[in-house]
C-alpha atoms as a PDB file:
ATOM      1  CA  MET A   1      11.914  -4.671  -8.994  1.00  0.00           C
ATOM      2  CA  PRO A   2      14.311  -3.787  -6.303  1.00  0.00           C
ATOM      3  CA  SER A   3      17.788  -4.755  -6.723  1.00  0.00           C
ATOM      4  CA  GLY A   4      18.877  -8.141  -5.463  1.00  0.00           C
ATOM      5  CA  LYS A   5      18.093 -11.713  -6.449  1.00  0.00           C
ATOM      6  CA  LYS A   6      15.453 -11.903  -9.248  1.00  0.00           C
ATOM      7  CA  THR A   7      13.328 -14.680 -10.084  1.00  0.00           C
ATOM      8  CA  LYS A   8      13.087 -16.390 -13.509  1.00  0.00           C
ATOM      9  CA  ALA A   9       9.580 -14.844 -13.843  1.00  0.00           C
ATOM     10  CA  SER A  10      10.917 -11.331 -13.142  1.00  0.00           C
ATOM     11  CA  LYS A  11      13.910 -11.649 -15.378  1.00  0.00           C
ATOM     12  CA  SER A  12      11.572 -12.761 -18.205  1.00  0.00           C
ATOM     13  CA  LEU A  13       9.902  -9.429 -17.927  1.00  0.00           C
ATOM     14  CA  ASP A  14      13.005  -7.284 -18.138  1.00  0.00           C
ATOM     15  CA  SER A  15      12.540  -6.656 -21.854  1.00  0.00           C
ATOM     16  CA  ASP A  16       9.089  -5.507 -21.435  1.00  0.00           C
ATOM     17  CA  PRO A  17       8.724  -1.713 -20.376  1.00  0.00           C
ATOM     18  CA  PHE A  18       5.382  -2.640 -18.831  1.00  0.00           C
ATOM     19  CA  ARG A  19       6.614  -5.635 -17.145  1.00  0.00           C
ATOM     20  CA  GLY A  20       3.594  -7.546 -18.117  1.00  0.00           C
ATOM     21  CA  THR A  21       1.041  -5.082 -16.783  1.00  0.00           C
ATOM     22  CA  ALA A  22      -0.368  -3.775 -20.204  1.00  0.00           C
ATOM     23  CA  PHE A  23      -2.600  -4.940 -23.000  1.00  0.00           C
ATOM     24  CA  THR A  24      -0.376  -4.511 -26.031  1.00  0.00           C
ATOM     25  CA  TRP A  25      -1.973  -5.049 -29.402  1.00  0.00           C
ATOM     26  CA  ALA A  26      -0.466  -8.441 -29.710  1.00  0.00           C
ATOM     27  CA  VAL A  27      -2.028  -9.529 -26.198  1.00  0.00           C
ATOM     28  CA  SER A  28      -5.383  -7.878 -27.050  1.00  0.00           C
ATOM     29  CA  GLY A  29      -5.219 -10.040 -30.321  1.00  0.00           C
ATOM     30  CA  MET A  30      -4.462 -13.211 -28.408  1.00  0.00           C
ATOM     31  CA  MET A  31      -7.313 -12.681 -26.020  1.00  0.00           C
ATOM     32  CA  CYS A  32      -9.862 -12.141 -28.833  1.00  0.00           C
ATOM     33  CA  VAL A  33      -8.652 -15.392 -30.482  1.00  0.00           C
ATOM     34  CA  GLN A  34      -8.662 -17.185 -27.296  1.00  0.00           C
ATOM     35  CA  MET A  35     -12.281 -16.199 -26.573  1.00  0.00           C
ATOM     36  CA  LEU A  36     -13.684 -16.882 -30.061  1.00  0.00           C
ATOM     37  CA  PRO A  37     -14.367 -20.457 -29.425  1.00  0.00           C
ATOM     38  CA  THR A  38     -16.847 -19.758 -26.675  1.00  0.00           C
ATOM     39  CA  LEU A  39     -17.980 -16.398 -27.914  1.00  0.00           C
ATOM     40  CA  PHE A  40     -19.950 -17.393 -30.815  1.00  0.00           C
ATOM     41  CA  PRO A  41     -21.748 -20.388 -29.466  1.00  0.00           C
ATOM     42  CA  ILE A  42     -22.726 -18.486 -26.551  1.00  0.00           C
ATOM     43  CA  TYR A  43     -23.958 -15.194 -28.116  1.00  0.00           C
ATOM     44  CA  MET A  44     -25.444 -16.841 -31.329  1.00  0.00           C
ATOM     45  CA  ARG A  45     -26.948 -20.098 -30.061  1.00  0.00           C
ATOM     46  CA  ILE A  46     -27.752 -19.270 -26.355  1.00  0.00           C
ATOM     47  CA  LEU A  47     -28.514 -15.559 -26.670  1.00  0.00           C
ATOM     48  CA  GLN A  48     -29.715 -15.729 -30.092  1.00  0.00           C
ATOM     49  CA  PHE A  49     -27.712 -12.838 -31.346  1.00  0.00           C
ATOM     50  CA  SER A  50     -26.795 -12.477 -35.092  1.00  0.00           C
ATOM     51  CA  PHE A  51     -23.193 -12.522 -36.310  1.00  0.00           C
ATOM     52  CA  LEU A  52     -23.140  -8.970 -36.906  1.00  0.00           C
ATOM     53  CA  LYS A  53     -24.524  -8.237 -33.405  1.00  0.00           C
ATOM     54  CA  THR A  54     -21.995 -10.436 -31.669  1.00  0.00           C
ATOM     55  CA  VAL A  55     -19.271  -8.695 -33.634  1.00  0.00           C
ATOM     56  CA  ALA A  56     -20.605  -5.272 -32.775  1.00  0.00           C
ATOM     57  CA  ILE A  57     -20.898  -6.056 -29.059  1.00  0.00           C
ATOM     58  CA  PHE A  58     -17.618  -8.156 -28.691  1.00  0.00           C
ATOM     59  CA  PHE A  59     -14.817  -6.010 -30.373  1.00  0.00           C
ATOM     60  CA  PRO A  60     -15.894  -2.564 -29.030  1.00  0.00           C
ATOM     61  CA  SER A  61     -16.235  -4.206 -25.536  1.00  0.00           C
ATOM     62  CA  MET A  62     -12.715  -5.741 -25.795  1.00  0.00           C
ATOM     63  CA  LEU A  63     -11.315  -2.190 -27.016  1.00  0.00           C
ATOM     64  CA  LEU A  64     -13.123  -0.439 -24.091  1.00  0.00           C
ATOM     65  CA  HIS A  65     -11.595  -3.184 -21.544  1.00  0.00           C
ATOM     66  CA  ALA A  66      -8.122  -2.505 -22.935  1.00  0.00           C
ATOM     67  CA  LEU A  67      -8.570   1.268 -22.773  1.00  0.00           C
ATOM     68  CA  ILE A  68      -9.500   0.879 -19.141  1.00  0.00           C
ATOM     69  CA  TRP A  69      -6.978  -1.411 -18.319  1.00  0.00           C
ATOM     70  CA  ASN A  70      -4.098   0.341 -19.886  1.00  0.00           C
ATOM     71  CA  THR A  71      -5.156   3.624 -18.274  1.00  0.00           C
ATOM     72  CA  LEU A  72      -5.322   2.152 -14.798  1.00  0.00           C
ATOM     73  CA  HIS A  73      -3.096  -0.841 -14.474  1.00  0.00           C
ATOM     74  CA  PRO A  74       0.440   0.026 -15.635  1.00  0.00           C
ATOM     75  CA  HIS A  75      -0.037   3.545 -14.015  1.00  0.00           C
ATOM     76  CA  MET A  76      -0.937   2.189 -10.607  1.00  0.00           C
ATOM     77  CA  HIS A  77       2.414   0.016 -10.622  1.00  0.00           C
ATOM     78  CA  GLY A  78       4.409   3.169 -11.450  1.00  0.00           C
ATOM     79  CA  LEU A  79       4.994   2.255 -15.231  1.00  0.00           C
ATOM     80  CA  PRO A  80       4.672   4.379 -18.333  1.00  0.00           C
ATOM     81  CA  ASP A  81       1.529   5.086 -20.265  1.00  0.00           C
ATOM     82  CA  ILE A  82       0.869   2.848 -23.374  1.00  0.00           C
ATOM     83  CA  LYS A  83       1.196   4.713 -26.644  1.00  0.00           C
ATOM     84  CA  ILE A  84      -1.183   4.154 -29.519  1.00  0.00           C
ATOM     85  CA  PHE A  85       1.566   2.037 -31.408  1.00  0.00           C
ATOM     86  CA  GLN A  86       2.048  -0.269 -28.598  1.00  0.00           C
ATOM     87  CA  GLY A  87      -1.643  -0.997 -27.664  1.00  0.00           C
ATOM     88  CA  ALA A  88      -4.838   0.812 -26.622  1.00  0.00           C
ATOM     89  CA  PRO A  89      -3.489   4.199 -25.592  1.00  0.00           C
ATOM     90  CA  SER A  90      -3.707   5.282 -21.915  1.00  0.00           C
ATOM     91  CA  ARG A  91      -4.313   8.907 -22.848  1.00  0.00           C
ATOM     92  CA  VAL A  92      -7.703   8.324 -24.174  1.00  0.00           C
ATOM     93  CA  LEU A  93      -9.245   7.693 -20.442  1.00  0.00           C
ATOM     94  CA  ALA A  94      -6.327   9.415 -18.321  1.00  0.00           C
ATOM     95  CA  TRP A  95      -8.858  12.171 -17.397  1.00  0.00           C
ATOM     96  CA  LEU A  96     -10.653   9.393 -15.376  1.00  0.00           C
ATOM     97  CA  ARG A  97      -7.718   8.919 -13.028  1.00  0.00           C
ATOM     98  CA  GLY A  98      -8.632  10.320  -9.693  1.00  0.00           C
ATOM     99  CA  SER A  99     -12.328   9.772 -10.340  1.00  0.00           C
ATOM    100  CA  ALA A 100     -14.474   7.831  -7.972  1.00  0.00           C
ATOM    101  CA  PHE A 101     -14.834   4.988 -10.499  1.00  0.00           C
ATOM    102  CA  PHE A 102     -11.015   4.644 -11.079  1.00  0.00           C
ATOM    103  CA  ASN A 103     -10.429   5.010  -7.201  1.00  0.00           C
ATOM    104  CA  TYR A 104     -12.732   2.078  -6.617  1.00  0.00           C
ATOM    105  CA  LEU A 105     -11.009  -0.009  -9.430  1.00  0.00           C
ATOM    106  CA  TYR A 106      -7.605   0.950  -7.735  1.00  0.00           C
ATOM    107  CA  GLN A 107      -8.728  -0.075  -4.341  1.00  0.00           C
ATOM    108  CA  ASN A 108     -10.178  -3.385  -5.550  1.00  0.00           C
ATOM    109  CA  HIS A 109      -6.983  -4.247  -7.337  1.00  0.00           C
ATOM    110  CA  GLU A 110      -4.975  -3.179  -4.310  1.00  0.00           C
ATOM    111  CA  GLY A 111      -6.819  -5.729  -2.372  1.00  0.00           C
ATOM    112  CA  HIS A 112      -5.865  -8.486  -5.132  1.00  0.00           C
ATOM    113  CA  HIS A 113      -2.206  -7.808  -4.239  1.00  0.00           C
ATOM    114  CA  VAL A 114      -2.591  -7.732  -0.341  1.00  0.00           C
ATOM    115  CA  VAL A 115      -4.324 -11.305  -0.494  1.00  0.00           C
ATOM    116  CA  GLY A 116      -1.518 -12.635  -2.591  1.00  0.00           C
ATOM    117  CA  GLY A 117      -3.273 -12.704  -5.838  1.00  0.00           C
ATOM    118  CA  ARG A 118      -5.987 -14.971  -4.448  1.00  0.00           C
ATOM    119  CA  GLY A 119      -9.031 -12.742  -4.951  1.00  0.00           C
ATOM    120  CA  ASN A 120     -10.343  -9.574  -6.715  1.00  0.00           C
ATOM    121  CA  TYR A 121      -8.986 -11.076  -9.893  1.00  0.00           C
ATOM    122  CA  ASN A 122     -10.880  -8.718 -12.322  1.00  0.00           C
ATOM    123  CA  VAL A 123      -9.244  -5.175 -12.647  1.00  0.00           C
ATOM    124  CA  CYS A 124     -11.747  -3.583 -15.023  1.00  0.00           C
ATOM    125  CA  CYS A 125     -15.033  -5.737 -14.136  1.00  0.00           C
ATOM    126  CA  PRO A 126     -15.003  -6.274 -10.320  1.00  0.00           C
ATOM    127  CA  LEU A 127     -18.667  -7.588 -10.734  1.00  0.00           C
ATOM    128  CA  THR A 128     -17.318 -10.811 -12.091  1.00  0.00           C
ATOM    129  CA  ASP A 129     -15.502 -11.520  -8.552  1.00  0.00           C
ATOM    130  CA  HIS A 130     -18.887 -11.063  -6.962  1.00  0.00           C
ATOM    131  CA  LEU A 131     -20.528 -13.333  -9.326  1.00  0.00           C
ATOM    132  CA  LEU A 132     -17.796 -16.027  -8.916  1.00  0.00           C
ATOM    133  CA  GLY A 133     -17.494 -15.744  -5.166  1.00  0.00           C
ATOM    134  CA  THR A 134     -13.886 -14.374  -5.371  1.00  0.00           C
ATOM    135  CA  TYR A 135     -14.560 -11.033  -4.262  1.00  0.00           C
ATOM    136  CA  VAL A 136     -12.534  -9.924  -0.887  1.00  0.00           C
ATOM    137  CA  PRO A 137     -14.120  -6.890   0.732  1.00  0.00           C
ATOM    138  CA  GLN A 138     -11.796  -4.182   1.858  1.00  0.00           C
ATOM    139  CA  LYS A 139     -12.685  -4.791   5.501  1.00  0.00           C
ATOM    140  CA  ILE A 140     -11.101  -8.109   5.284  1.00  0.00           C
ATOM    141  CA  TRP A 141      -7.922  -7.352   3.427  1.00  0.00           C
ATOM    142  CA  ARG A 142      -7.148  -3.872   4.678  1.00  0.00           C
ATOM    143  CA  PRO A 143      -5.971  -4.759   8.142  1.00  0.00           C
ATOM    144  CA  LYS A 144      -3.358  -7.016   6.499  1.00  0.00           C
ATOM    145  CA  VAL A 145      -1.525  -3.933   4.817  1.00  0.00           C
ATOM    146  CA  LYS A 146       1.431  -3.561   6.961  1.00  0.00           C
ATOM    147  CA  LEU A 147       3.743  -1.814   4.399  1.00  0.00           C
ATOM    148  CA  PRO A 148       2.087   1.796   4.730  1.00  0.00           C
ATOM    149  CA  GLY A 149       2.094   1.719   8.533  1.00  0.00           C
ATOM    150  CA  THR A 150       5.703   0.587   8.551  1.00  0.00           C
ATOM    151  CA  LEU A 151       6.622   3.505   6.277  1.00  0.00           C
ATOM    152  CA  LEU A 152       4.768   5.906   8.004  1.00  0.00           C
ATOM    153  CA  ALA A 153       6.313   4.772  11.477  1.00  0.00           C
ATOM    154  CA  LYS A 154       9.775   4.953   9.759  1.00  0.00           C
ATOM    155  CA  ARG A 155       9.163   8.327   8.422  1.00  0.00           C
ATOM    156  CA  LYS A 156       7.994   9.610  11.677  1.00  0.00           C
ATOM    157  CA  ALA A 157      10.971   8.011  13.439  1.00  0.00           C
ATOM    158  CA  ASP A 158      13.349   9.669  10.769  1.00  0.00           C
ATOM    159  CA  GLU A 159      11.751  13.040  11.153  1.00  0.00           C
ATOM    160  CA  ALA A 160      12.216  12.695  14.942  1.00  0.00           C
ATOM    161  CA  ALA A 161      15.782  11.875  14.689  1.00  0.00           C
ATOM    162  CA  ALA A 162      16.377  14.704  12.244  1.00  0.00           C
ATOM    163  CA  GLU A 163      14.861  17.045  14.662  1.00  0.00           C
ATOM    164  CA  VAL A 164      16.980  15.917  17.514  1.00  0.00           C
ATOM    165  CA  GLU A 165      19.917  16.166  15.371  1.00  0.00           C
ATOM    166  CA  LEU A 166      18.960  19.654  14.317  1.00  0.00           C
ATOM    167  CA  GLU A 167      18.567  20.562  17.956  1.00  0.00           C
ATOM    168  CA  ASN A 168      21.788  19.043  18.984  1.00  0.00           C
ATOM    169  CA  HIS A 169      23.538  20.907  16.032  1.00  0.00           C
ATOM    170  CA  ALA A 170      21.864  24.130  17.084  1.00  0.00           C
ATOM    171  CA  SER A 171      22.986  23.665  20.674  1.00  0.00           C
ATOM    172  CA  VAL A 172      26.579  23.170  19.702  1.00  0.00           C
ATOM    173  CA  ILE A 173      26.465  26.201  17.468  1.00  0.00           C
ATOM    174  CA  ILE A 174      24.969  28.211  20.484  1.00  0.00           C
ATOM    175  CA  ASP A 175      27.525  27.094  22.846  1.00  0.00           C
ATOM    176  CA  ASP A 176      30.287  27.874  20.271  1.00  0.00           C
ATOM    177  CA  VAL A 177      28.951  31.382  19.777  1.00  0.00           C
ATOM    178  CA  THR A 178      28.632  31.710  23.612  1.00  0.00           C
ATOM    179  CA  THR A 179      32.142  30.689  24.022  1.00  0.00           C
ATOM    180  CA  SER A 180      33.452  33.091  21.346  1.00  0.00           C
ATOM    181  CA  LEU A 181      31.595  35.937  22.838  1.00  0.00           C
ATOM    182  CA  GLU A 182      32.888  35.030  26.334  1.00  0.00           C
ATOM    183  CA  SER A 183      36.449  34.868  24.846  1.00  0.00           C
ATOM    184  CA  ILE A 184      35.987  38.321  23.132  1.00  0.00           C
ATOM    185  CA  ASP A 185      34.595  39.802  26.494  1.00  0.00           C
ATOM    186  CA  GLN A 186      37.631  38.468  28.266  1.00  0.00           C
ATOM    187  CA  SER A 187      39.974  39.750  25.628  1.00  0.00           C
ATOM    188  CA  SER A 188      38.273  43.032  25.658  1.00  0.00           C
ATOM    189  CA  GLY A 189      38.545  43.160  29.435  1.00  0.00           C
ATOM    190  CA  ALA A 190      42.193  42.383  29.132  1.00  0.00           C
ATOM    191  CA  VAL A 191      42.819  45.041  26.583  1.00  0.00           C
ATOM    192  CA  GLU A 192      41.069  47.682  28.646  1.00  0.00           C
ATOM    193  CA  ILE A 193      43.231  46.883  31.855  1.00  0.00           C
ATOM    194  CA  LYS A 194      46.305  47.082  29.721  1.00  0.00           C
ATOM    195  CA  LEU A 195      45.237  50.203  28.410  1.00  0.00           C
ATOM    196  CA  ASP A 196      44.589  51.501  31.922  1.00  0.00           C
ATOM    197  CA  ASN A 197      47.994  50.450  33.031  1.00  0.00           C
ATOM    198  CA  ALA A 198      49.596  52.068  30.005  1.00  0.00           C
ATOM    199  CA  GLU A 199      47.692  55.227  30.662  1.00  0.00           C
ATOM    200  CA  HIS A 200      48.577  55.150  34.282  1.00  0.00           C
ATOM    201  CA  THR A 201      52.171  54.547  33.493  1.00  0.00           C
ATOM    202  CA  VAL A 202      52.352  57.415  31.013  1.00  0.00           C
ATOM    203  CA  LEU A 203      50.698  59.802  33.316  1.00  0.00           C
ATOM    204  CA  LYS A 204      53.021  58.836  36.284  1.00  0.00           C
ATOM    205  CA  THR A 205      55.933  59.334  34.025  1.00  0.00           C
ATOM    206  CA  VAL A 206      54.743  62.775  32.980  1.00  0.00           C
ATOM    207  CA  ASP A 207      54.197  63.690  36.591  1.00  0.00           C
ATOM    208  CA  GLU A 208      57.678  62.598  37.455  1.00  0.00           C
ATOM    209  CA  ASN A 209      59.134  64.691  34.501  1.00  0.00           C
ATOM    210  CA  ARG A 210      57.290  67.606  35.919  1.00  0.00           C
ATOM    211  CA  VAL A 211      58.589  67.320  39.280  1.00  0.00           C
ATOM    212  CA  THR A 212      62.057  66.854  37.967  1.00  0.00           C
ATOM    213  CA  VAL A 213      61.776  69.923  35.721  1.00  0.00           C
END
């Protein structure tokens, strides 16, 4: 977070190297426990899955979700990767960064931040937003992105200013060099005149001495 006044929520994250963006083992465990009261009634009574099938589907799915999340979310916020002793390790799916799949998830989550956290809630499973009516398409949120344009304009202005400064500096150097060369030429001319005068004086003195002799 930039220097300056921090909110209480921001200060509470100072001790977390991932600033609340990662699924640590503790967070993943709390999510699993939180979902258990609805998991078994839905899977076993409504969907008629056995206990073993429910467990076989639920826990690997939660692990896959944590792997995708930990590979994508902290990284896109410029935070370090998660090690295996901290949570589902980022390196397992790091090879997917830059793929069409991860680029889509990245763009979808970017929209979440642009709309102030009021849409595109699901980082790893964006279909959920489509089903619940919370999906915000890019054509709606992209025009609201002002920061990149501002940064681009600032960068171009800085480059233009630097170019003008460089041209001015070069002009000053050229003027200094020209002045120095002119001064050298003038000095050379003065030396030549003095040499000519000295030569003339010497020759005149020699001629006078010859006449005297």
